[in-house]
Amino acid sequence: MSQRRLFWTCLLALVAVLPLAIVVHAWDSLRQMPVFTGKHDIVVEGGAVQPYAGGQWKLADLKRLPGPSDEARIVLAEFETEPRDLAMLAQSACRVRLVDAEGRRFEPLMLSEPIVREMYPEVADRPRCSSLAFANAGNGGTVRMVESFIVPAKASDLSLVVEVQGGEVGVLVFKWKRS
């Protein structure tokens, strides 16, 4: 095979393989787009109550705490629900994340930061959003949950996103302008 033919074959292969590599690498993000999932955001302002996935959900508070460095802060999210369909909530997976004005997503920390236990010991032992939080809840009671996140110090206009899988066709987006 001549060098010219080899060059054009390689160039054609690159043109075909490069977009495919980009799609494969970004597949998880693409799969979660509302166009593909049929999901839509249910935006809730301030401390309003919103029916969603078998409960009445409310964001109680978002608190900024000192972080592990000057460039980071701990955000403590307190939220609650009054279960209406306890069986469904106890069998569903709950996913929570924090989003800032720039669209950056922050996943919850696995363990409570020591600063949370020090400053707010009464909330540090609350359950996280999971089926276990609802398994011990009684009918008509309020389930109070807490999650903590590490975010950049300059992150603004934080929103708490709650998704109960198997429930609704969308996700709850609690807008919080005070943070």
N, C-alpha and C. Protein backbone atom coordinates (compact mmCIF):
# COMPACT_ATOMS: atom_id res chain seq x y z
N MET A 1 0.84 -1.17 0.00
CA MET A 1 0.00 0.00 0.00
C MET A 1 0.89 1.24 0.00
N SER A 2 0.56 2.19 -0.81
CA SER A 2 1.37 3.40 -0.91
C SER A 2 1.14 4.29 0.31
N GLN A 3 2.07 5.20 0.54
CA GLN A 3 1.96 6.11 1.68
C GLN A 3 0.76 7.03 1.52
N ARG A 4 0.47 7.44 0.34
CA ARG A 4 -0.67 8.32 0.09
C ARG A 4 -1.98 7.61 0.45
N ARG A 5 -2.11 6.38 0.01
CA ARG A 5 -3.33 5.62 0.30
C ARG A 5 -3.43 5.35 1.82
N LEU A 6 -2.32 5.05 2.46
CA LEU A 6 -2.30 4.82 3.91
C LEU A 6 -2.72 6.08 4.65
N PHE A 7 -2.21 7.24 4.20
CA PHE A 7 -2.57 8.51 4.82
C PHE A 7 -4.08 8.75 4.75
N TRP A 8 -4.68 8.59 3.58
CA TRP A 8 -6.10 8.84 3.41
C TRP A 8 -6.95 7.81 4.15
N THR A 9 -6.49 6.59 4.23
CA THR A 9 -7.22 5.57 4.99
C THR A 9 -7.22 5.90 6.48
N CYS A 10 -6.07 6.31 6.98
CA CYS A 10 -5.98 6.68 8.39
C CYS A 10 -6.81 7.93 8.69
N LEU A 11 -6.80 8.89 7.81
CA LEU A 11 -7.59 10.10 8.00
C LEU A 11 -9.08 9.79 8.00
N LEU A 12 -9.52 8.94 7.10
CA LEU A 12 -10.92 8.54 7.06
C LEU A 12 -11.31 7.77 8.32
N ALA A 13 -10.43 6.91 8.79
CA ALA A 13 -10.69 6.16 10.03
C ALA A 13 -10.79 7.11 11.21
N LEU A 14 -9.93 8.12 11.26
CA LEU A 14 -9.97 9.10 12.34
C LEU A 14 -11.29 9.87 12.33
N VAL A 15 -11.74 10.27 11.16
CA VAL A 15 -13.00 11.00 11.04
C VAL A 15 -14.17 10.15 11.51
N ALA A 16 -14.11 8.86 11.31
CA ALA A 16 -15.19 7.97 11.74
C ALA A 16 -15.09 7.60 13.21
N VAL A 17 -13.89 7.38 13.71
CA VAL A 17 -13.70 6.87 15.07
C VAL A 17 -13.76 7.98 16.12
N LEU A 18 -13.28 9.17 15.83
CA LEU A 18 -13.25 10.24 16.81
C LEU A 18 -14.64 10.60 17.35
N PRO A 19 -15.65 10.85 16.52
CA PRO A 19 -16.99 11.13 17.08
C PRO A 19 -17.54 9.95 17.87
N LEU A 20 -17.26 8.75 17.44
CA LEU A 20 -17.71 7.58 18.17
C LEU A 20 -17.07 7.52 19.55
N ALA A 21 -15.80 7.83 19.65
CA ALA A 21 -15.10 7.83 20.93
C ALA A 21 -15.68 8.89 21.87
N ILE A 22 -16.02 10.05 21.34
CA ILE A 22 -16.63 11.11 22.15
C ILE A 22 -17.98 10.66 22.69
N VAL A 23 -18.81 10.06 21.86
CA VAL A 23 -20.13 9.59 22.28
C VAL A 23 -20.00 8.50 23.34
N VAL A 24 -19.09 7.57 23.14
CA VAL A 24 -18.90 6.49 24.11
C VAL A 24 -18.43 7.05 25.45
N HIS A 25 -17.53 8.00 25.42
CA HIS A 25 -17.01 8.60 26.65
C HIS A 25 -18.09 9.39 27.40
N ALA A 26 -18.99 10.04 26.69
CA ALA A 26 -20.02 10.87 27.30
C ALA A 26 -21.36 10.16 27.44
N TRP A 27 -21.41 8.88 27.24
CA TRP A 27 -22.68 8.15 27.21
C TRP A 27 -23.49 8.32 28.49
N ASP A 28 -22.88 8.23 29.66
CA ASP A 28 -23.63 8.36 30.91
C ASP A 28 -24.29 9.72 31.03
N SER A 29 -23.58 10.77 30.66
CA SER A 29 -24.16 12.10 30.72
C SER A 29 -25.28 12.26 29.70
N LEU A 30 -25.09 11.73 28.51
CA LEU A 30 -26.13 11.81 27.49
C LEU A 30 -27.38 11.05 27.89
N ARG A 31 -27.18 9.90 28.51
CA ARG A 31 -28.30 9.05 28.90
C ARG A 31 -29.18 9.73 29.95
N GLN A 32 -28.62 10.61 30.77
CA GLN A 32 -29.36 11.28 31.82
C GLN A 32 -30.05 12.56 31.35
N MET A 33 -29.86 12.94 30.10
CA MET A 33 -30.49 14.15 29.59
C MET A 33 -32.00 13.96 29.51
N PRO A 34 -32.77 15.01 29.84
CA PRO A 34 -34.22 14.90 29.82
C PRO A 34 -34.80 14.44 28.49
N VAL A 35 -34.13 14.75 27.40
CA VAL A 35 -34.62 14.34 26.08
C VAL A 35 -34.71 12.82 25.98
N PHE A 36 -33.74 12.13 26.59
CA PHE A 36 -33.68 10.68 26.50
C PHE A 36 -34.44 9.98 27.62
N THR A 37 -34.55 10.60 28.80
CA THR A 37 -35.20 9.95 29.93
C THR A 37 -36.68 10.28 30.03
N GLY A 38 -37.12 11.35 29.38
CA GLY A 38 -38.51 11.77 29.51
C GLY A 38 -38.76 12.48 30.83
N LYS A 39 -37.72 12.77 31.59
CA LYS A 39 -37.86 13.42 32.89
C LYS A 39 -37.82 14.92 32.73
N HIS A 40 -38.45 15.59 33.66
CA HIS A 40 -38.41 17.05 33.68
C HIS A 40 -38.20 17.51 35.12
N ASP A 41 -37.73 18.72 35.26
CA ASP A 41 -37.48 19.27 36.59
C ASP A 41 -38.75 19.86 37.17
N ILE A 42 -38.99 19.59 38.44
CA ILE A 42 -40.07 20.22 39.19
C ILE A 42 -39.38 21.23 40.10
N VAL A 43 -39.43 22.50 39.73
CA VAL A 43 -38.71 23.54 40.45
C VAL A 43 -39.58 24.03 41.61
N VAL A 44 -38.96 24.06 42.80
CA VAL A 44 -39.64 24.50 44.02
C VAL A 44 -38.85 25.66 44.60
N GLU A 45 -39.49 26.80 44.78
CA GLU A 45 -38.83 27.99 45.30
C GLU A 45 -38.86 28.01 46.82
N GLY A 46 -37.80 28.57 47.40
CA GLY A 46 -37.73 28.80 48.85
C GLY A 46 -38.04 27.57 49.68
N GLY A 47 -38.86 27.73 50.69
CA GLY A 47 -39.21 26.64 51.60
C GLY A 47 -40.59 26.06 51.32
N ALA A 48 -41.05 26.13 50.08
CA ALA A 48 -42.38 25.63 49.72
C ALA A 48 -42.42 24.10 49.80
N VAL A 49 -43.63 23.58 49.99
CA VAL A 49 -43.86 22.14 50.05
C VAL A 49 -44.31 21.67 48.67
N GLN A 50 -43.79 20.52 48.23
CA GLN A 50 -44.11 20.00 46.90
C GLN A 50 -44.46 18.52 46.98
N PRO A 51 -45.63 18.13 46.47
CA PRO A 51 -45.93 16.69 46.39
C PRO A 51 -45.04 16.03 45.33
N TYR A 52 -44.47 14.88 45.70
CA TYR A 52 -43.55 14.19 44.79
C TYR A 52 -43.33 12.78 45.30
N ALA A 53 -43.43 11.81 44.44
CA ALA A 53 -43.07 10.42 44.70
C ALA A 53 -43.62 9.88 46.01
N GLY A 54 -44.88 10.10 46.26
CA GLY A 54 -45.50 9.51 47.45
C GLY A 54 -45.27 10.27 48.73
N GLY A 55 -44.92 11.56 48.65
CA GLY A 55 -44.71 12.34 49.86
C GLY A 55 -44.83 13.83 49.58
N GLN A 56 -44.87 14.59 50.66
CA GLN A 56 -44.86 16.05 50.58
C GLN A 56 -43.47 16.51 50.99
N TRP A 57 -42.68 16.99 50.05
CA TRP A 57 -41.26 17.30 50.26
C TRP A 57 -41.05 18.78 50.52
N LYS A 58 -40.06 19.07 51.36
CA LYS A 58 -39.73 20.46 51.69
C LYS A 58 -38.24 20.56 52.01
N LEU A 59 -37.59 21.60 51.49
CA LEU A 59 -36.21 21.91 51.86
C LEU A 59 -36.28 22.82 53.08
N ALA A 60 -35.79 22.34 54.22
CA ALA A 60 -35.86 23.11 55.45
C ALA A 60 -34.77 24.17 55.52
N ASP A 61 -33.53 23.80 55.14
CA ASP A 61 -32.44 24.76 55.25
C ASP A 61 -31.21 24.27 54.49
N LEU A 62 -30.44 25.22 54.00
CA LEU A 62 -29.09 24.98 53.48
C LEU A 62 -28.17 25.88 54.28
N LYS A 63 -27.19 25.29 54.93
CA LYS A 63 -26.26 26.07 55.75
C LYS A 63 -24.86 25.91 55.21
N ARG A 64 -24.15 27.04 55.13
CA ARG A 64 -22.73 27.01 54.76
C ARG A 64 -21.91 26.96 56.04
N LEU A 65 -20.98 26.02 56.07
CA LEU A 65 -20.10 25.87 57.22
C LEU A 65 -18.66 26.00 56.74
N PRO A 66 -17.74 26.27 57.65
CA PRO A 66 -16.33 26.32 57.24
C PRO A 66 -15.91 25.00 56.61
N GLY A 67 -15.07 25.09 55.62
CA GLY A 67 -14.63 23.89 54.91
C GLY A 67 -13.24 23.46 55.31
N PRO A 68 -12.75 22.43 54.65
CA PRO A 68 -11.42 21.93 54.95
C PRO A 68 -10.30 22.87 54.50
N SER A 69 -10.63 23.85 53.64
CA SER A 69 -9.63 24.82 53.19
C SER A 69 -10.35 26.15 52.94
N ASP A 70 -9.57 27.17 52.61
CA ASP A 70 -10.15 28.49 52.32
C ASP A 70 -10.94 28.49 51.02
N GLU A 71 -10.64 27.57 50.12
CA GLU A 71 -11.31 27.51 48.82
C GLU A 71 -12.57 26.64 48.83
N ALA A 72 -12.88 25.99 49.95
CA ALA A 72 -14.02 25.06 50.00
C ALA A 72 -14.88 25.33 51.22
N ARG A 73 -16.15 25.00 51.09
CA ARG A 73 -17.10 25.11 52.19
C ARG A 73 -17.88 23.81 52.29
N ILE A 74 -18.38 23.54 53.48
CA ILE A 74 -19.30 22.43 53.70
C ILE A 74 -20.70 23.02 53.63
N VAL A 75 -21.57 22.40 52.86
CA VAL A 75 -22.97 22.82 52.81
C VAL A 75 -23.79 21.70 53.44
N LEU A 76 -24.58 22.06 54.43
CA LEU A 76 -25.44 21.12 55.13
C LEU A 76 -26.86 21.34 54.64
N ALA A 77 -27.43 20.32 54.02
CA ALA A 77 -28.79 20.40 53.48
C ALA A 77 -29.73 19.62 54.39
N GLU A 78 -30.73 20.33 54.93
CA GLU A 78 -31.75 19.69 55.75
C GLU A 78 -33.06 19.71 54.96
N PHE A 79 -33.64 18.56 54.78
CA PHE A 79 -34.90 18.47 54.05
C PHE A 79 -35.77 17.41 54.69
N GLU A 80 -37.05 17.43 54.33
CA GLU A 80 -38.00 16.51 54.98
C GLU A 80 -39.12 16.15 54.03
N THR A 81 -39.81 15.09 54.40
CA THR A 81 -40.99 14.68 53.67
C THR A 81 -42.01 14.08 54.61
N GLU A 82 -43.26 14.31 54.30
CA GLU A 82 -44.36 13.64 54.99
C GLU A 82 -44.84 12.56 54.04
N PRO A 83 -44.52 11.30 54.33
CA PRO A 83 -44.88 10.21 53.41
C PRO A 83 -46.39 10.05 53.28
N ARG A 84 -46.84 9.92 52.05
CA ARG A 84 -48.24 9.61 51.75
C ARG A 84 -48.35 8.16 51.28
N ASP A 85 -47.30 7.69 50.61
CA ASP A 85 -47.23 6.30 50.15
C ASP A 85 -45.93 5.71 50.70
N LEU A 86 -45.99 5.30 51.97
CA LEU A 86 -44.81 4.84 52.67
C LEU A 86 -44.22 3.59 52.03
N ALA A 87 -45.05 2.71 51.52
CA ALA A 87 -44.55 1.47 50.90
C ALA A 87 -43.71 1.78 49.68
N MET A 88 -44.16 2.72 48.86
CA MET A 88 -43.39 3.07 47.66
C MET A 88 -42.06 3.72 48.03
N LEU A 89 -42.08 4.65 48.98
CA LEU A 89 -40.85 5.33 49.38
C LEU A 89 -39.85 4.36 50.01
N ALA A 90 -40.33 3.40 50.78
CA ALA A 90 -39.45 2.45 51.44
C ALA A 90 -38.79 1.48 50.46
N GLN A 91 -39.34 1.37 49.25
CA GLN A 91 -38.79 0.47 48.25
C GLN A 91 -38.06 1.19 47.13
N SER A 92 -38.00 2.51 47.19
CA SER A 92 -37.40 3.29 46.11
C SER A 92 -36.01 3.78 46.49
N ALA A 93 -35.18 3.95 45.49
CA ALA A 93 -33.85 4.53 45.70
C ALA A 93 -33.97 6.04 45.62
N CYS A 94 -33.28 6.71 46.52
CA CYS A 94 -33.31 8.17 46.58
C CYS A 94 -31.92 8.69 46.27
N ARG A 95 -31.83 9.64 45.36
CA ARG A 95 -30.54 10.24 45.00
C ARG A 95 -30.62 11.74 45.22
N VAL A 96 -29.60 12.29 45.87
CA VAL A 96 -29.56 13.71 46.19
C VAL A 96 -28.24 14.28 45.68
N ARG A 97 -28.28 15.50 45.12
CA ARG A 97 -27.06 16.19 44.73
C ARG A 97 -27.32 17.69 44.82
N LEU A 98 -26.24 18.43 44.85
CA LEU A 98 -26.30 19.88 44.94
C LEU A 98 -25.79 20.44 43.62
N VAL A 99 -26.45 21.49 43.12
CA VAL A 99 -26.07 22.12 41.85
C VAL A 99 -25.92 23.61 42.11
N ASP A 100 -24.90 24.22 41.53
CA ASP A 100 -24.72 25.66 41.70
C ASP A 100 -25.13 26.41 40.45
N ALA A 101 -24.97 27.73 40.47
CA ALA A 101 -25.40 28.59 39.36
C ALA A 101 -24.69 28.25 38.06
N GLU A 102 -23.48 27.71 38.14
CA GLU A 102 -22.71 27.37 36.94
C GLU A 102 -23.06 25.99 36.40
N GLY A 103 -23.96 25.28 37.07
CA GLY A 103 -24.35 23.95 36.63
C GLY A 103 -23.47 22.83 37.14
N ARG A 104 -22.52 23.16 38.02
CA ARG A 104 -21.67 22.12 38.58
C ARG A 104 -22.47 21.27 39.56
N ARG A 105 -22.23 19.97 39.54
CA ARG A 105 -22.93 19.03 40.42
C ARG A 105 -21.99 18.56 41.52
N PHE A 106 -22.55 18.46 42.73
CA PHE A 106 -21.79 18.00 43.87
C PHE A 106 -22.54 16.85 44.52
N GLU A 107 -21.85 15.73 44.67
CA GLU A 107 -22.44 14.55 45.29
C GLU A 107 -22.29 14.65 46.81
N PRO A 108 -23.20 14.02 47.57
CA PRO A 108 -23.10 14.08 49.04
C PRO A 108 -21.88 13.33 49.55
N LEU A 109 -21.41 13.77 50.70
CA LEU A 109 -20.29 13.10 51.36
C LEU A 109 -20.77 11.79 51.97
N MET A 110 -19.89 10.82 52.01
CA MET A 110 -20.25 9.52 52.59
C MET A 110 -20.41 9.62 54.11
N LEU A 111 -19.58 10.39 54.76
CA LEU A 111 -19.62 10.54 56.21
C LEU A 111 -19.78 12.00 56.56
N SER A 112 -20.40 12.26 57.69
CA SER A 112 -20.54 13.64 58.15
C SER A 112 -19.18 14.21 58.49
N GLU A 113 -18.95 15.43 58.08
CA GLU A 113 -17.72 16.12 58.42
C GLU A 113 -17.71 16.42 59.93
N PRO A 114 -16.54 16.43 60.56
CA PRO A 114 -16.47 16.73 62.00
C PRO A 114 -17.07 18.09 62.35
N ILE A 115 -16.97 19.05 61.44
CA ILE A 115 -17.53 20.38 61.71
C ILE A 115 -19.06 20.32 61.85
N VAL A 116 -19.70 19.41 61.12
CA VAL A 116 -21.16 19.26 61.21
C VAL A 116 -21.51 18.72 62.58
N ARG A 117 -20.81 17.70 63.03
CA ARG A 117 -21.06 17.12 64.36
C ARG A 117 -20.79 18.14 65.47
N GLU A 118 -19.80 18.99 65.26
CA GLU A 118 -19.45 19.98 66.26
C GLU A 118 -20.48 21.10 66.34
N MET A 119 -20.88 21.64 65.18
CA MET A 119 -21.77 22.80 65.16
C MET A 119 -23.26 22.43 65.25
N TYR A 120 -23.64 21.29 64.69
CA TYR A 120 -25.05 20.89 64.66
C TYR A 120 -25.19 19.42 65.04
N PRO A 121 -24.91 19.07 66.29
CA PRO A 121 -24.99 17.65 66.68
C PRO A 121 -26.40 17.07 66.56
N GLU A 122 -27.41 17.92 66.66
CA GLU A 122 -28.79 17.43 66.59
C GLU A 122 -29.18 16.95 65.19
N VAL A 123 -28.50 17.42 64.15
CA VAL A 123 -28.83 16.97 62.80
C VAL A 123 -27.84 15.97 62.24
N ALA A 124 -26.69 15.85 62.88
CA ALA A 124 -25.64 14.97 62.35
C ALA A 124 -26.06 13.51 62.30
N ASP A 125 -26.95 13.10 63.18
CA ASP A 125 -27.37 11.70 63.22
C ASP A 125 -28.68 11.43 62.48
N ARG A 126 -29.20 12.43 61.82
CA ARG A 126 -30.41 12.21 61.01
C ARG A 126 -30.08 11.29 59.84
N PRO A 127 -31.08 10.57 59.37
CA PRO A 127 -30.80 9.67 58.24
C PRO A 127 -30.54 10.45 56.95
N ARG A 128 -29.87 9.79 56.05
CA ARG A 128 -29.67 10.31 54.71
C ARG A 128 -30.86 9.88 53.86
N CYS A 129 -30.99 10.47 52.70
CA CYS A 129 -32.11 10.12 51.81
C CYS A 129 -31.88 8.73 51.23
N SER A 130 -32.61 7.77 51.73
CA SER A 130 -32.50 6.39 51.26
C SER A 130 -33.77 5.65 51.68
N SER A 131 -33.93 4.45 51.18
CA SER A 131 -35.10 3.66 51.56
C SER A 131 -35.07 3.35 53.05
N LEU A 132 -33.89 3.31 53.67
CA LEU A 132 -33.79 3.07 55.11
C LEU A 132 -34.42 4.20 55.92
N ALA A 133 -34.34 5.42 55.43
CA ALA A 133 -34.94 6.55 56.13
C ALA A 133 -36.45 6.39 56.23
N PHE A 134 -37.06 5.74 55.25
CA PHE A 134 -38.50 5.58 55.24
C PHE A 134 -38.95 4.26 55.85
N ALA A 135 -38.04 3.31 55.97
CA ALA A 135 -38.40 1.99 56.49
C ALA A 135 -38.91 2.05 57.92
N ASN A 136 -38.35 2.95 58.73
CA ASN A 136 -38.76 3.06 60.13
C ASN A 136 -39.75 4.18 60.39
N ALA A 137 -40.21 4.83 59.35
CA ALA A 137 -41.15 5.95 59.51
C ALA A 137 -42.57 5.42 59.70
N GLY A 138 -43.30 6.08 60.53
CA GLY A 138 -44.70 5.73 60.72
C GLY A 138 -45.58 6.55 59.80
N ASN A 139 -46.79 6.10 59.58
CA ASN A 139 -47.72 6.85 58.72
C ASN A 139 -48.05 8.19 59.37
N GLY A 140 -48.02 9.23 58.56
CA GLY A 140 -48.37 10.56 59.04
C GLY A 140 -47.22 11.30 59.69
N GLY A 141 -46.10 10.65 59.95
CA GLY A 141 -44.96 11.31 60.56
C GLY A 141 -44.10 11.99 59.52
N THR A 142 -43.28 12.89 59.97
CA THR A 142 -42.36 13.58 59.08
C THR A 142 -40.99 12.92 59.16
N VAL A 143 -40.41 12.63 58.01
CA VAL A 143 -39.07 12.06 57.95
C VAL A 143 -38.11 13.21 57.66
N ARG A 144 -37.24 13.50 58.62
CA ARG A 144 -36.25 14.56 58.46
C ARG A 144 -34.91 13.94 58.07
N MET A 145 -34.33 14.47 57.00
CA MET A 145 -33.08 13.92 56.48
C MET A 145 -32.04 15.02 56.36
N VAL A 146 -30.79 14.62 56.22
CA VAL A 146 -29.70 15.57 56.09
C VAL A 146 -28.63 14.98 55.18
N GLU A 147 -28.02 15.85 54.39
CA GLU A 147 -26.88 15.48 53.54
C GLU A 147 -25.87 16.61 53.64
N SER A 148 -24.60 16.29 53.51
CA SER A 148 -23.57 17.32 53.51
C SER A 148 -22.72 17.21 52.25
N PHE A 149 -22.24 18.35 51.79
CA PHE A 149 -21.52 18.46 50.52
C PHE A 149 -20.30 19.35 50.71
N ILE A 150 -19.26 19.12 49.94
CA ILE A 150 -18.14 20.05 49.85
C ILE A 150 -18.28 20.79 48.53
N VAL A 151 -18.31 22.13 48.60
CA VAL A 151 -18.46 22.95 47.40
C VAL A 151 -17.39 24.03 47.40
N PRO A 152 -17.09 24.61 46.25
CA PRO A 152 -16.17 25.75 46.22
C PRO A 152 -16.72 26.91 47.02
N ALA A 153 -15.85 27.68 47.63
CA ALA A 153 -16.28 28.80 48.49
C ALA A 153 -17.11 29.82 47.71
N LYS A 154 -16.85 29.96 46.41
CA LYS A 154 -17.56 30.95 45.62
C LYS A 154 -18.82 30.41 44.92
N ALA A 155 -19.20 29.18 45.20
CA ALA A 155 -20.41 28.62 44.60
C ALA A 155 -21.62 29.42 45.07
N SER A 156 -22.49 29.77 44.12
CA SER A 156 -23.66 30.59 44.47
C SER A 156 -24.93 29.98 43.89
N ASP A 157 -26.06 30.49 44.37
CA ASP A 157 -27.38 30.04 43.92
C ASP A 157 -27.48 28.51 43.93
N LEU A 158 -27.31 27.95 45.09
CA LEU A 158 -27.32 26.50 45.24
C LEU A 158 -28.74 25.95 45.15
N SER A 159 -28.86 24.79 44.54
CA SER A 159 -30.14 24.08 44.43
C SER A 159 -29.92 22.64 44.87
N LEU A 160 -30.85 22.13 45.66
CA LEU A 160 -30.81 20.74 46.07
C LEU A 160 -31.70 19.94 45.12
N VAL A 161 -31.14 18.92 44.50
CA VAL A 161 -31.88 18.09 43.56
C VAL A 161 -32.15 16.75 44.24
N VAL A 162 -33.43 16.37 44.29
CA VAL A 162 -33.86 15.11 44.89
C VAL A 162 -34.54 14.29 43.81
N GLU A 163 -34.09 13.05 43.68
CA GLU A 163 -34.68 12.15 42.69
C GLU A 163 -35.02 10.83 43.37
N VAL A 164 -36.28 10.46 43.32
CA VAL A 164 -36.72 9.18 43.84
C VAL A 164 -37.00 8.30 42.63
N GLN A 165 -36.17 7.29 42.46
CA GLN A 165 -36.30 6.43 41.29
C GLN A 165 -37.49 5.49 41.46
N GLY A 166 -38.21 5.33 40.37
CA GLY A 166 -39.41 4.50 40.41
C GLY A 166 -40.64 5.29 40.81
N GLY A 167 -40.45 6.57 41.09
CA GLY A 167 -41.56 7.41 41.52
C GLY A 167 -42.13 8.21 40.37
N GLU A 168 -41.76 9.45 40.34
CA GLU A 168 -42.27 10.40 39.34
C GLU A 168 -41.43 10.35 38.07
N VAL A 169 -41.86 11.13 37.10
CA VAL A 169 -41.12 11.20 35.84
C VAL A 169 -40.12 12.35 35.83
N GLY A 170 -39.91 12.98 36.97
CA GLY A 170 -38.98 14.10 37.02
C GLY A 170 -38.20 14.10 38.31
N VAL A 171 -37.50 15.20 38.53
CA VAL A 171 -36.72 15.37 39.75
C VAL A 171 -37.15 16.67 40.42
N LEU A 172 -37.03 16.72 41.75
CA LEU A 172 -37.31 17.95 42.49
C LEU A 172 -36.06 18.81 42.50
N VAL A 173 -36.22 20.08 42.21
CA VAL A 173 -35.11 21.02 42.26
C VAL A 173 -35.52 22.14 43.23
N PHE A 174 -34.95 22.09 44.44
CA PHE A 174 -35.23 23.10 45.44
C PHE A 174 -34.26 24.25 45.25
N LYS A 175 -34.78 25.40 44.84
CA LYS A 175 -33.96 26.60 44.66
C LYS A 175 -33.77 27.26 46.03
N TRP A 176 -32.55 27.68 46.32
CA TRP A 176 -32.26 28.29 47.60
C TRP A 176 -31.39 29.50 47.35
N LYS A 177 -31.95 30.68 47.40
CA LYS A 177 -31.23 31.90 47.05
C LYS A 177 -30.45 32.48 48.23
N ARG A 178 -30.70 32.02 49.44
CA ARG A 178 -30.06 32.61 50.61
C ARG A 178 -28.64 32.12 50.82
N SER A 179 -28.19 31.13 50.06
CA SER A 179 -26.86 30.58 50.31
C SER A 179 -25.80 31.26 49.48
